[in-house]
Amino acid sequence: MIHVAASARSKLTKLHLTPPCIGIRIRVEDSGCSGLAYAMEYCYKKEETDTVVRAGSKRLYIDAKSMLYLHGSDLHYRKKEFEEGYEFTNPNVTSECGCGESFYVT
């Protein structure tokens, strides 16, 4: 399971999802120089093997493969000097690329 911090829950709750959108899909996909990256997108259909996580009034849908990488992670919303967005703190990550856009899990 993943934990959704109050900062992320607050931001997600403010999203206006119009049907047929049912929530937000979180995925781990092949990408970048370290091999894996996080992706968030609108979800229109719950798959049979999805894990569903409540985040305030919204639901997050995570496919079984991505859940293997995300288990035990925390999702935060961070606002820094010139950037803001969702950020994962993932205890499974063993290395990251220099730019921080992708990660590797052994």
PDB file of N, CA and C in Angstrom:
ATOM      1  N   MET A   1       0.842  -1.175   0.000  1.00  0.00           N
ATOM      2  CA  MET A   1       0.000   0.000   0.000  1.00  0.00           C
ATOM      3  C   MET A   1       0.887   1.238   0.000  1.00  0.00           C
ATOM      4  N   ILE A   2       0.348   2.351  -0.456  1.00  0.00           N
ATOM      5  CA  ILE A   2       1.069   3.614  -0.367  1.00  0.00           C
ATOM      6  C   ILE A   2       0.329   4.539   0.591  1.00  0.00           C
ATOM      7  N   HIS A   3       1.067   5.480   1.148  1.00  0.00           N
ATOM      8  CA  HIS A   3       0.492   6.468   2.058  1.00  0.00           C
ATOM      9  C   HIS A   3       0.399   7.799   1.312  1.00  0.00           C
ATOM     10  N   VAL A   4      -0.753   8.427   1.383  1.00  0.00           N
ATOM     11  CA  VAL A   4      -0.950   9.728   0.758  1.00  0.00           C
ATOM     12  C   VAL A   4      -0.874  10.778   1.862  1.00  0.00           C
ATOM     13  N   ALA A   5       0.167  11.596   1.829  1.00  0.00           N
ATOM     14  CA  ALA A   5       0.369  12.630   2.848  1.00  0.00           C
ATOM     15  C   ALA A   5      -0.716  13.698   2.738  1.00  0.00           C
ATOM     16  N   ALA A   6      -0.905  14.440   3.803  1.00  0.00           N
ATOM     17  CA  ALA A   6      -1.940  15.491   3.836  1.00  0.00           C
ATOM     18  C   ALA A   6      -1.757  16.500   2.718  1.00  0.00           C
ATOM     19  N   SER A   7      -0.513  16.837   2.389  1.00  0.00           N
ATOM     20  CA  SER A   7      -0.259  17.817   1.320  1.00  0.00           C
ATOM     21  C   SER A   7      -0.785  17.315  -0.024  1.00  0.00           C
ATOM     22  N   ALA A   8      -0.568  16.040  -0.338  1.00  0.00           N
ATOM     23  CA  ALA A   8      -1.049  15.458  -1.597  1.00  0.00           C
ATOM     24  C   ALA A   8      -2.559  15.260  -1.559  1.00  0.00           C
ATOM     25  N   ARG A   9      -3.061  14.807  -0.430  1.00  0.00           N
ATOM     26  CA  ARG A   9      -4.502  14.593  -0.286  1.00  0.00           C
ATOM     27  C   ARG A   9      -5.262  15.904  -0.503  1.00  0.00           C
ATOM     28  N   SER A  10      -4.760  16.986   0.058  1.00  0.00           N
ATOM     29  CA  SER A  10      -5.393  18.294  -0.085  1.00  0.00           C
ATOM     30  C   SER A  10      -5.424  18.738  -1.547  1.00  0.00           C
ATOM     31  N   LYS A  11      -4.318  18.559  -2.243  1.00  0.00           N
ATOM     32  CA  LYS A  11      -4.244  18.959  -3.659  1.00  0.00           C
ATOM     33  C   LYS A  11      -5.138  18.069  -4.531  1.00  0.00           C
ATOM     34  N   LEU A  12      -5.139  16.767  -4.265  1.00  0.00           N
ATOM     35  CA  LEU A  12      -5.976  15.839  -5.031  1.00  0.00           C
ATOM     36  C   LEU A  12      -7.458  16.132  -4.827  1.00  0.00           C
ATOM     37  N   THR A  13      -7.849  16.469  -3.607  1.00  0.00           N
ATOM     38  CA  THR A  13      -9.249  16.739  -3.297  1.00  0.00           C
ATOM     39  C   THR A  13      -9.769  17.931  -4.100  1.00  0.00           C
ATOM     40  N   LYS A  14      -8.893  18.863  -4.433  1.00  0.00           N
ATOM     41  CA  LYS A  14      -9.288  20.064  -5.181  1.00  0.00           C
ATOM     42  C   LYS A  14      -9.462  19.813  -6.682  1.00  0.00           C
ATOM     43  N   LEU A  15      -9.016  18.655  -7.166  1.00  0.00           N
ATOM     44  CA  LEU A  15      -9.163  18.335  -8.589  1.00  0.00           C
ATOM     45  C   LEU A  15     -10.637  18.156  -8.942  1.00  0.00           C
ATOM     46  N   HIS A  16     -11.032  18.706 -10.074  1.00  0.00           N
ATOM     47  CA  HIS A  16     -12.397  18.519 -10.569  1.00  0.00           C
ATOM     48  C   HIS A  16     -12.360  17.441 -11.654  1.00  0.00           C
ATOM     49  N   LEU A  17     -12.850  16.259 -11.323  1.00  0.00           N
ATOM     50  CA  LEU A  17     -12.869  15.140 -12.257  1.00  0.00           C
ATOM     51  C   LEU A  17     -14.267  15.026 -12.842  1.00  0.00           C
ATOM     52  N   THR A  18     -14.348  15.115 -14.143  1.00  0.00           N
ATOM     53  CA  THR A  18     -15.656  15.008 -14.782  1.00  0.00           C
ATOM     54  C   THR A  18     -15.806  13.632 -15.411  1.00  0.00           C
ATOM     55  N   PRO A  19     -16.990  13.040 -15.273  1.00  0.00           N
ATOM     56  CA  PRO A  19     -17.229  11.710 -15.850  1.00  0.00           C
ATOM     57  C   PRO A  19     -16.916  11.737 -17.345  1.00  0.00           C
ATOM     58  N   PRO A  20     -16.326  10.686 -17.840  1.00  0.00           N
ATOM     59  CA  PRO A  20     -16.209   9.344 -17.267  1.00  0.00           C
ATOM     60  C   PRO A  20     -14.969   9.121 -16.398  1.00  0.00           C
ATOM     61  N   CYS A  21     -14.241  10.172 -16.048  1.00  0.00           N
ATOM     62  CA  CYS A  21     -13.052  10.026 -15.207  1.00  0.00           C
ATOM     63  C   CYS A  21     -13.471   9.571 -13.806  1.00  0.00           C
ATOM     64  N   ILE A  22     -12.801   8.514 -13.296  1.00  0.00           N
ATOM     65  CA  ILE A  22     -13.166   7.966 -11.985  1.00  0.00           C
ATOM     66  C   ILE A  22     -12.105   8.231 -10.917  1.00  0.00           C
ATOM     67  N   GLY A  23     -10.958   8.783 -11.322  1.00  0.00           N
ATOM     68  CA  GLY A  23      -9.893   9.044 -10.357  1.00  0.00           C
ATOM     69  C   GLY A  23      -8.576   9.299 -11.061  1.00  0.00           C
ATOM     70  N   ILE A  24      -7.488   9.056 -10.351  1.00  0.00           N
ATOM     71  CA  ILE A  24      -6.140   9.257 -10.872  1.00  0.00           C
ATOM     72  C   ILE A  24      -5.417   7.914 -10.903  1.00  0.00           C
ATOM     73  N   ARG A  25      -4.783   7.621 -12.044  1.00  0.00           N
ATOM     74  CA  ARG A  25      -3.982   6.397 -12.170  1.00  0.00           C
ATOM     75  C   ARG A  25      -2.527   6.757 -11.924  1.00  0.00           C
ATOM     76  N   ILE A  26      -1.890   5.976 -11.063  1.00  0.00           N
ATOM     77  CA  ILE A  26      -0.455   6.116 -10.812  1.00  0.00           C
ATOM     78  C   ILE A  26       0.228   4.889 -11.391  1.00  0.00           C
ATOM     79  N   ARG A  27       1.264   5.147 -12.192  1.00  0.00           N
ATOM     80  CA  ARG A  27       1.994   4.040 -12.823  1.00  0.00           C
ATOM     81  C   ARG A  27       3.491   4.223 -12.639  1.00  0.00           C
ATOM     82  N   VAL A  28       4.210   3.140 -12.715  1.00  0.00           N
ATOM     83  CA  VAL A  28       5.658   3.151 -12.833  1.00  0.00           C
ATOM     84  C   VAL A  28       5.937   2.608 -14.227  1.00  0.00           C
ATOM     85  N   GLU A  29       6.648   3.392 -15.025  1.00  0.00           N
ATOM     86  CA  GLU A  29       6.886   2.997 -16.414  1.00  0.00           C
ATOM     87  C   GLU A  29       8.374   3.044 -16.733  1.00  0.00           C
ATOM     88  N   ASP A  30       8.754   2.322 -17.786  1.00  0.00           N
ATOM     89  CA  ASP A  30      10.135   2.344 -18.264  1.00  0.00           C
ATOM     90  C   ASP A  30      10.422   3.730 -18.816  1.00  0.00           C
ATOM     91  N   SER A  31      11.515   4.334 -18.322  1.00  0.00           N
ATOM     92  CA  SER A  31      11.822   5.690 -18.764  1.00  0.00           C
ATOM     93  C   SER A  31      13.153   6.147 -18.192  1.00  0.00           C
ATOM     94  N   GLY A  32      13.734   7.134 -18.817  1.00  0.00           N
ATOM     95  CA  GLY A  32      14.910   7.815 -18.281  1.00  0.00           C
ATOM     96  C   GLY A  32      16.169   6.985 -18.274  1.00  0.00           C
ATOM     97  N   CYS A  33      17.216   7.587 -17.723  1.00  0.00           N
ATOM     98  CA  CYS A  33      18.523   6.930 -17.736  1.00  0.00           C
ATOM     99  C   CYS A  33      18.683   5.869 -16.652  1.00  0.00           C
ATOM    100  N   SER A  34      17.860   5.919 -15.604  1.00  0.00           N
ATOM    101  CA  SER A  34      17.951   4.886 -14.562  1.00  0.00           C
ATOM    102  C   SER A  34      16.956   3.756 -14.765  1.00  0.00           C
ATOM    103  N   GLY A  35      16.014   3.932 -15.673  1.00  0.00           N
ATOM    104  CA  GLY A  35      15.139   2.826 -16.029  1.00  0.00           C
ATOM    105  C   GLY A  35      13.667   2.955 -15.715  1.00  0.00           C
ATOM    106  N   LEU A  36      13.284   3.654 -14.632  1.00  0.00           N
ATOM    107  CA  LEU A  36      11.876   3.734 -14.235  1.00  0.00           C
ATOM    108  C   LEU A  36      11.499   5.169 -13.876  1.00  0.00           C
ATOM    109  N   ALA A  37      10.233   5.507 -14.088  1.00  0.00           N
ATOM    110  CA  ALA A  37       9.736   6.832 -13.722  1.00  0.00           C
ATOM    111  C   ALA A  37       8.278   6.721 -13.298  1.00  0.00           C
ATOM    112  N   TYR A  38       7.850   7.667 -12.486  1.00  0.00           N
ATOM    113  CA  TYR A  38       6.464   7.727 -12.034  1.00  0.00           C
ATOM    114  C   TYR A  38       5.628   8.457 -13.077  1.00  0.00           C
ATOM    115  N   ALA A  39       4.377   8.028 -13.220  1.00  0.00           N
ATOM    116  CA  ALA A  39       3.440   8.707 -14.111  1.00  0.00           C
ATOM    117  C   ALA A  39       2.093   8.803 -13.400  1.00  0.00           C
ATOM    118  N   MET A  40       1.455   9.947 -13.557  1.00  0.00           N
ATOM    119  CA  MET A  40       0.106  10.146 -13.014  1.00  0.00           C
ATOM    120  C   MET A  40      -0.765  10.661 -14.148  1.00  0.00           C
ATOM    121  N   GLU A  41      -1.957  10.082 -14.276  1.00  0.00           N
ATOM    122  CA  GLU A  41      -2.868  10.479 -15.347  1.00  0.00           C
ATOM    123  C   GLU A  41      -4.301  10.226 -14.899  1.00  0.00           C
ATOM    124  N   TYR A  42      -5.235  10.762 -15.624  1.00  0.00           N
ATOM    125  CA  TYR A  42      -6.641  10.518 -15.306  1.00  0.00           C
ATOM    126  C   TYR A  42      -6.972   9.054 -15.563  1.00  0.00           C
ATOM    127  N   CYS A  43      -7.813   8.491 -14.724  1.00  0.00           N
ATOM    128  CA  CYS A  43      -8.216   7.087 -14.856  1.00  0.00           C
ATOM    129  C   CYS A  43      -9.684   7.029 -15.267  1.00  0.00           C
ATOM    130  N   TYR A  44      -9.974   6.239 -16.269  1.00  0.00           N
ATOM    131  CA  TYR A  44     -11.335   6.126 -16.789  1.00  0.00           C
ATOM    132  C   TYR A  44     -11.947   4.750 -16.572  1.00  0.00           C
ATOM    133  N   LYS A  45     -11.095   3.792 -16.131  1.00  0.00           N
ATOM    134  CA  LYS A  45     -11.602   2.436 -15.944  1.00  0.00           C
ATOM    135  C   LYS A  45     -10.768   1.734 -14.885  1.00  0.00           C
ATOM    136  N   LYS A  46     -11.436   1.087 -13.956  1.00  0.00           N
ATOM    137  CA  LYS A  46     -10.745   0.278 -12.958  1.00  0.00           C
ATOM    138  C   LYS A  46     -10.460  -1.087 -13.562  1.00  0.00           C
ATOM    139  N   GLU A  47      -9.199  -1.482 -13.498  1.00  0.00           N
ATOM    140  CA  GLU A  47      -8.816  -2.806 -13.962  1.00  0.00           C
ATOM    141  C   GLU A  47      -8.972  -3.795 -12.812  1.00  0.00           C
ATOM    142  N   GLU A  48      -9.159  -5.050 -13.141  1.00  0.00           N
ATOM    143  CA  GLU A  48      -9.417  -6.089 -12.139  1.00  0.00           C
ATOM    144  C   GLU A  48      -8.311  -6.191 -11.099  1.00  0.00           C
ATOM    145  N   THR A  49      -7.065  -5.994 -11.512  1.00  0.00           N
ATOM    146  CA  THR A  49      -5.935  -6.167 -10.589  1.00  0.00           C
ATOM    147  C   THR A  49      -5.479  -4.860  -9.939  1.00  0.00           C
ATOM    148  N   ASP A  50      -6.202  -3.777 -10.137  1.00  0.00           N
ATOM    149  CA  ASP A  50      -5.827  -2.487  -9.549  1.00  0.00           C
ATOM    150  C   ASP A  50      -5.951  -2.498  -8.029  1.00  0.00           C
ATOM    151  N   THR A  51      -5.013  -1.821  -7.384  1.00  0.00           N
ATOM    152  CA  THR A  51      -5.139  -1.478  -5.976  1.00  0.00           C
ATOM    153  C   THR A  51      -5.750  -0.088  -5.948  1.00  0.00           C
ATOM    154  N   VAL A  52      -6.766   0.109  -5.125  1.00  0.00           N
ATOM    155  CA  VAL A  52      -7.432   1.407  -5.036  1.00  0.00           C
ATOM    156  C   VAL A  52      -7.100   2.025  -3.683  1.00  0.00           C
ATOM    157  N   VAL A  53      -6.589   3.254  -3.727  1.00  0.00           N
ATOM    158  CA  VAL A  53      -6.210   3.977  -2.522  1.00  0.00           C
ATOM    159  C   VAL A  53      -7.069   5.226  -2.430  1.00  0.00           C
ATOM    160  N   ARG A  54      -7.703   5.426  -1.297  1.00  0.00           N
ATOM    161  CA  ARG A  54      -8.508   6.637  -1.090  1.00  0.00           C
ATOM    162  C   ARG A  54      -7.584   7.786  -0.704  1.00  0.00           C
ATOM    163  N   ALA A  55      -7.828   8.933  -1.322  1.00  0.00           N
ATOM    164  CA  ALA A  55      -7.083  10.158  -1.015  1.00  0.00           C
ATOM    165  C   ALA A  55      -8.104  11.264  -0.833  1.00  0.00           C
ATOM    166  N   GLY A  56      -8.641  11.360   0.368  1.00  0.00           N
ATOM    167  CA  GLY A  56      -9.735  12.301   0.607  1.00  0.00           C
ATOM    168  C   GLY A  56     -10.947  11.841  -0.177  1.00  0.00           C
ATOM    169  N   SER A  57     -11.500  12.724  -0.988  1.00  0.00           N
ATOM    170  CA  SER A  57     -12.676  12.389  -1.793  1.00  0.00           C
ATOM    171  C   SER A  57     -12.320  11.738  -3.130  1.00  0.00           C
ATOM    172  N   LYS A  58     -11.040  11.590  -3.407  1.00  0.00           N
ATOM    173  CA  LYS A  58     -10.597  11.016  -4.686  1.00  0.00           C
ATOM    174  C   LYS A  58     -10.039   9.620  -4.478  1.00  0.00           C
ATOM    175  N   ARG A  59      -9.957   8.875  -5.593  1.00  0.00           N
ATOM    176  CA  ARG A  59      -9.383   7.528  -5.560  1.00  0.00           C
ATOM    177  C   ARG A  59      -8.181   7.468  -6.496  1.00  0.00           C
ATOM    178  N   LEU A  60      -7.156   6.750  -6.042  1.00  0.00           N
ATOM    179  CA  LEU A  60      -5.966   6.505  -6.842  1.00  0.00           C
ATOM    180  C   LEU A  60      -5.983   5.044  -7.260  1.00  0.00           C
ATOM    181  N   TYR A  61      -5.724   4.786  -8.522  1.00  0.00           N
ATOM    182  CA  TYR A  61      -5.733   3.423  -9.071  1.00  0.00           C
ATOM    183  C   TYR A  61      -4.311   3.059  -9.469  1.00  0.00           C
ATOM    184  N   ILE A  62      -3.826   1.929  -8.930  1.00  0.00           N
ATOM    185  CA  ILE A  62      -2.456   1.497  -9.176  1.00  0.00           C
ATOM    186  C   ILE A  62      -2.475   0.065  -9.677  1.00  0.00           C
ATOM    187  N   ASP A  63      -1.905  -0.169 -10.859  1.00  0.00           N
ATOM    188  CA  ASP A  63      -1.888  -1.523 -11.422  1.00  0.00           C
ATOM    189  C   ASP A  63      -0.933  -2.402 -10.615  1.00  0.00           C
ATOM    190  N   ALA A  64      -1.106  -3.699 -10.736  1.00  0.00           N
ATOM    191  CA  ALA A  64      -0.362  -4.673  -9.923  1.00  0.00           C
ATOM    192  C   ALA A  64       1.150  -4.570 -10.125  1.00  0.00           C
ATOM    193  N   LYS A  65       1.600  -4.386 -11.362  1.00  0.00           N
ATOM    194  CA  LYS A  65       3.039  -4.291 -11.631  1.00  0.00           C
ATOM    195  C   LYS A  65       3.627  -3.049 -10.961  1.00  0.00           C
ATOM    196  N   SER A  66       2.942  -1.921 -11.094  1.00  0.00           N
ATOM    197  CA  SER A  66       3.436  -0.680 -10.480  1.00  0.00           C
ATOM    198  C   SER A  66       3.442  -0.784  -8.964  1.00  0.00           C
ATOM    199  N   MET A  67       2.477  -1.485  -8.413  1.00  0.00           N
ATOM    200  CA  MET A  67       2.389  -1.618  -6.960  1.00  0.00           C
ATOM    201  C   MET A  67       3.610  -2.324  -6.390  1.00  0.00           C
ATOM    202  N   LEU A  68       4.209  -3.230  -7.173  1.00  0.00           N
ATOM    203  CA  LEU A  68       5.432  -3.904  -6.724  1.00  0.00           C
ATOM    204  C   LEU A  68       6.536  -2.889  -6.438  1.00  0.00           C
ATOM    205  N   TYR A  69       6.622  -1.837  -7.242  1.00  0.00           N
ATOM    206  CA  TYR A  69       7.636  -0.803  -7.066  1.00  0.00           C
ATOM    207  C   TYR A  69       7.234   0.247  -6.031  1.00  0.00           C
ATOM    208  N   LEU A  70       5.930   0.480  -5.879  1.00  0.00           N
ATOM    209  CA  LEU A  70       5.434   1.566  -5.039  1.00  0.00           C
ATOM    210  C   LEU A  70       5.129   1.163  -3.594  1.00  0.00           C
ATOM    211  N   HIS A  71       5.078  -0.126  -3.312  1.00  0.00           N
ATOM    212  CA  HIS A  71       4.687  -0.584  -1.975  1.00  0.00           C
ATOM    213  C   HIS A  71       5.534   0.099  -0.895  1.00  0.00           C
ATOM    214  N   GLY A  72       4.869   0.703   0.075  1.00  0.00           N
ATOM    215  CA  GLY A  72       5.558   1.376   1.171  1.00  0.00           C
ATOM    216  C   GLY A  72       5.919   2.825   0.899  1.00  0.00           C
ATOM    217  N   SER A  73       5.549   3.326  -0.272  1.00  0.00           N
ATOM    218  CA  SER A  73       5.892   4.700  -0.650  1.00  0.00           C
ATOM    219  C   SER A  73       4.956   5.715  -0.013  1.00  0.00           C
ATOM    220  N   ASP A  74       5.436   6.943   0.066  1.00  0.00           N
ATOM    221  CA  ASP A  74       4.644   8.093   0.502  1.00  0.00           C
ATOM    222  C   ASP A  74       4.504   9.035  -0.680  1.00  0.00           C
ATOM    223  N   LEU A  75       3.300   9.541  -0.890  1.00  0.00           N
ATOM    224  CA  LEU A  75       3.052  10.534  -1.933  1.00  0.00           C
ATOM    225  C   LEU A  75       2.837  11.881  -1.259  1.00  0.00           C
ATOM    226  N   HIS A  76       3.639  12.866  -1.644  1.00  0.00           N
ATOM    227  CA  HIS A  76       3.565  14.216  -1.088  1.00  0.00           C
ATOM    228  C   HIS A  76       3.290  15.212  -2.212  1.00  0.00           C
ATOM    229  N   TYR A  77       2.865  16.394  -1.841  1.00  0.00           N
ATOM    230  CA  TYR A  77       2.818  17.509  -2.782  1.00  0.00           C
ATOM    231  C   TYR A  77       3.767  18.548  -2.224  1.00  0.00           C
ATOM    232  N   ARG A  78       4.787  18.889  -2.983  1.00  0.00           N
ATOM    233  CA  ARG A  78       5.812  19.822  -2.511  1.00  0.00           C
ATOM    234  C   ARG A  78       5.810  21.087  -3.365  1.00  0.00           C
ATOM    235  N   LYS A  79       5.988  22.194  -2.698  1.00  0.00           N
ATOM    236  CA  LYS A  79       6.099  23.483  -3.371  1.00  0.00           C
ATOM    237  C   LYS A  79       7.436  24.081  -2.968  1.00  0.00           C
ATOM    238  N   LYS A  80       8.345  24.170  -3.943  1.00  0.00           N
ATOM    239  CA  LYS A  80       9.673  24.713  -3.693  1.00  0.00           C
ATOM    240  C   LYS A  80       9.781  26.057  -4.410  1.00  0.00           C
ATOM    241  N   GLU A  81      10.947  26.623  -4.387  1.00  0.00           N
ATOM    242  CA  GLU A  81      11.152  27.953  -4.928  1.00  0.00           C
ATOM    243  C   GLU A  81      10.562  28.164  -6.324  1.00  0.00           C
ATOM    244  N   PHE A  82      10.986  27.380  -7.296  1.00  0.00           N
ATOM    245  CA  PHE A  82      10.532  27.560  -8.667  1.00  0.00           C
ATOM    246  C   PHE A  82       9.824  26.349  -9.248  1.00  0.00           C
ATOM    247  N   GLU A  83       9.446  25.434  -8.396  1.00  0.00           N
ATOM    248  CA  GLU A  83       8.769  24.237  -8.879  1.00  0.00           C
ATOM    249  C   GLU A  83       7.803  23.717  -7.823  1.00  0.00           C
ATOM    250  N   GLU A  84       6.800  23.019  -8.296  1.00  0.00           N
ATOM    251  CA  GLU A  84       5.876  22.361  -7.387  1.00  0.00           C
ATOM    252  C   GLU A  84       5.291  21.157  -8.085  1.00  0.00           C
ATOM    253  N   GLY A  85       4.876  20.183  -7.281  1.00  0.00           N
ATOM    254  CA  GLY A  85       4.264  18.998  -7.856  1.00  0.00           C
ATOM    255  C   GLY A  85       4.265  17.831  -6.884  1.00  0.00           C
ATOM    256  N   TYR A  86       3.736  16.727  -7.365  1.00  0.00           N
ATOM    257  CA  TYR A  86       3.676  15.509  -6.559  1.00  0.00           C
ATOM    258  C   TYR A  86       5.056  14.880  -6.508  1.00  0.00           C
ATOM    259  N   GLU A  87       5.379  14.288  -5.365  1.00  0.00           N
ATOM    260  CA  GLU A  87       6.696  13.694  -5.172  1.00  0.00           C
ATOM    261  C   GLU A  87       6.548  12.407  -4.373  1.00  0.00           C
ATOM    262  N   PHE A  88       7.213  11.367  -4.813  1.00  0.00           N
ATOM    263  CA  PHE A  88       7.186  10.083  -4.114  1.00  0.00           C
ATOM    264  C   PHE A  88       8.427   9.937  -3.246  1.00  0.00           C
ATOM    265  N   THR A  89       8.231   9.454  -2.039  1.00  0.00           N
ATOM    266  CA  THR A  89       9.328   9.002  -1.195  1.00  0.00           C
ATOM    267  C   THR A  89       9.187   7.491  -1.186  1.00  0.00           C
ATOM    268  N   ASN A  90      10.111   6.834  -1.879  1.00  0.00           N
ATOM    269  CA  ASN A  90       9.980   5.407  -2.134  1.00  0.00           C
ATOM    270  C   ASN A  90      11.140   4.636  -1.489  1.00  0.00           C
ATOM    271  N   PRO A  91      10.853   3.825  -0.466  1.00  0.00           N
ATOM    272  CA  PRO A  91      11.921   3.081   0.209  1.00  0.00           C
ATOM    273  C   PRO A  91      12.533   1.969  -0.646  1.00  0.00           C
ATOM    274  N   ASN A  92      11.920   1.652  -1.767  1.00  0.00           N
ATOM    275  CA  ASN A  92      12.410   0.578  -2.635  1.00  0.00           C
ATOM    276  C   ASN A  92      13.478   1.044  -3.613  1.00  0.00           C
ATOM    277  N   VAL A  93      13.633   2.334  -3.784  1.00  0.00           N
ATOM    278  CA  VAL A  93      14.586   2.885  -4.750  1.00  0.00           C
ATOM    279  C   VAL A  93      16.008   2.639  -4.265  1.00  0.00           C
ATOM    280  N   THR A  94      16.830   2.076  -5.159  1.00  0.00           N
ATOM    281  CA  THR A  94      18.227   1.816  -4.804  1.00  0.00           C
ATOM    282  C   THR A  94      19.175   2.808  -5.455  1.00  0.00           C
ATOM    283  N   SER A  95      18.738   3.477  -6.537  1.00  0.00           N
ATOM    284  CA  SER A  95      19.547   4.535  -7.149  1.00  0.00           C
ATOM    285  C   SER A  95      18.645   5.414  -8.011  1.00  0.00           C
ATOM    286  N   GLU A  96      19.123   6.630  -8.259  1.00  0.00           N
ATOM    287  CA  GLU A  96      18.401   7.589  -9.093  1.00  0.00           C
ATOM    288  C   GLU A  96      19.370   8.192 -10.088  1.00  0.00           C
ATOM    289  N   CYS A  97      18.838   8.693 -11.188  1.00  0.00           N
ATOM    290  CA  CYS A  97      19.691   9.370 -12.152  1.00  0.00           C
ATOM    291  C   CYS A  97      20.072  10.740 -11.594  1.00  0.00           C
ATOM    292  N   GLY A  98      21.049  11.367 -12.183  1.00  0.00           N
ATOM    293  CA  GLY A  98      21.532  12.652 -11.707  1.00  0.00           C
ATOM    294  C   GLY A  98      20.502  13.745 -11.714  1.00  0.00           C
ATOM    295  N   CYS A  99      19.597  13.734 -12.679  1.00  0.00           N
ATOM    296  CA  CYS A  99      18.578  14.797 -12.770  1.00  0.00           C
ATOM    297  C   CYS A  99      17.383  14.505 -11.879  1.00  0.00           C
ATOM    298  N   GLY A 100      17.280  13.279 -11.339  1.00  0.00           N
ATOM    299  CA  GLY A 100      16.205  12.943 -10.426  1.00  0.00           C
ATOM    300  C   GLY A 100      14.888  12.567 -11.101  1.00  0.00           C
ATOM    301  N   GLU A 101      14.894  12.421 -12.401  1.00  0.00           N
ATOM    302  CA  GLU A 101      13.644  12.106 -13.126  1.00  0.00           C
ATOM    303  C   GLU A 101      13.342  10.615 -13.194  1.00  0.00           C
ATOM    304  N   SER A 102      14.354   9.787 -13.000  1.00  0.00           N
ATOM    305  CA  SER A 102      14.103   8.346 -13.064  1.00  0.00           C
ATOM    306  C   SER A 102      14.851   7.647 -11.932  1.00  0.00           C
ATOM    307  N   PHE A 103      14.476   6.387 -11.701  1.00  0.00           N
ATOM    308  CA  PHE A 103      15.039   5.648 -10.575  1.00  0.00           C
ATOM    309  C   PHE A 103      15.211   4.182 -10.943  1.00  0.00           C
ATOM    310  N   TYR A 104      15.866   3.463 -10.050  1.00  0.00           N
ATOM    311  CA  TYR A 104      16.145   2.038 -10.254  1.00  0.00           C
ATOM    312  C   TYR A 104      15.827   1.294  -8.964  1.00  0.00           C
ATOM    313  N   VAL A 105      15.263   0.106  -9.114  1.00  0.00           N
ATOM    314  CA  VAL A 105      14.956  -0.769  -7.983  1.00  0.00           C
ATOM    315  C   VAL A 105      15.598  -2.119  -8.261  1.00  0.00           C
ATOM    316  N   THR A 106      16.308  -2.664  -7.268  1.00  0.00           N
ATOM    317  CA  THR A 106      16.928  -3.990  -7.474  1.00  0.00           C
ATOM    318  C   THR A 106      16.009  -5.073  -6.972  1.00  0.00           C
TER     319      THR A 106
END
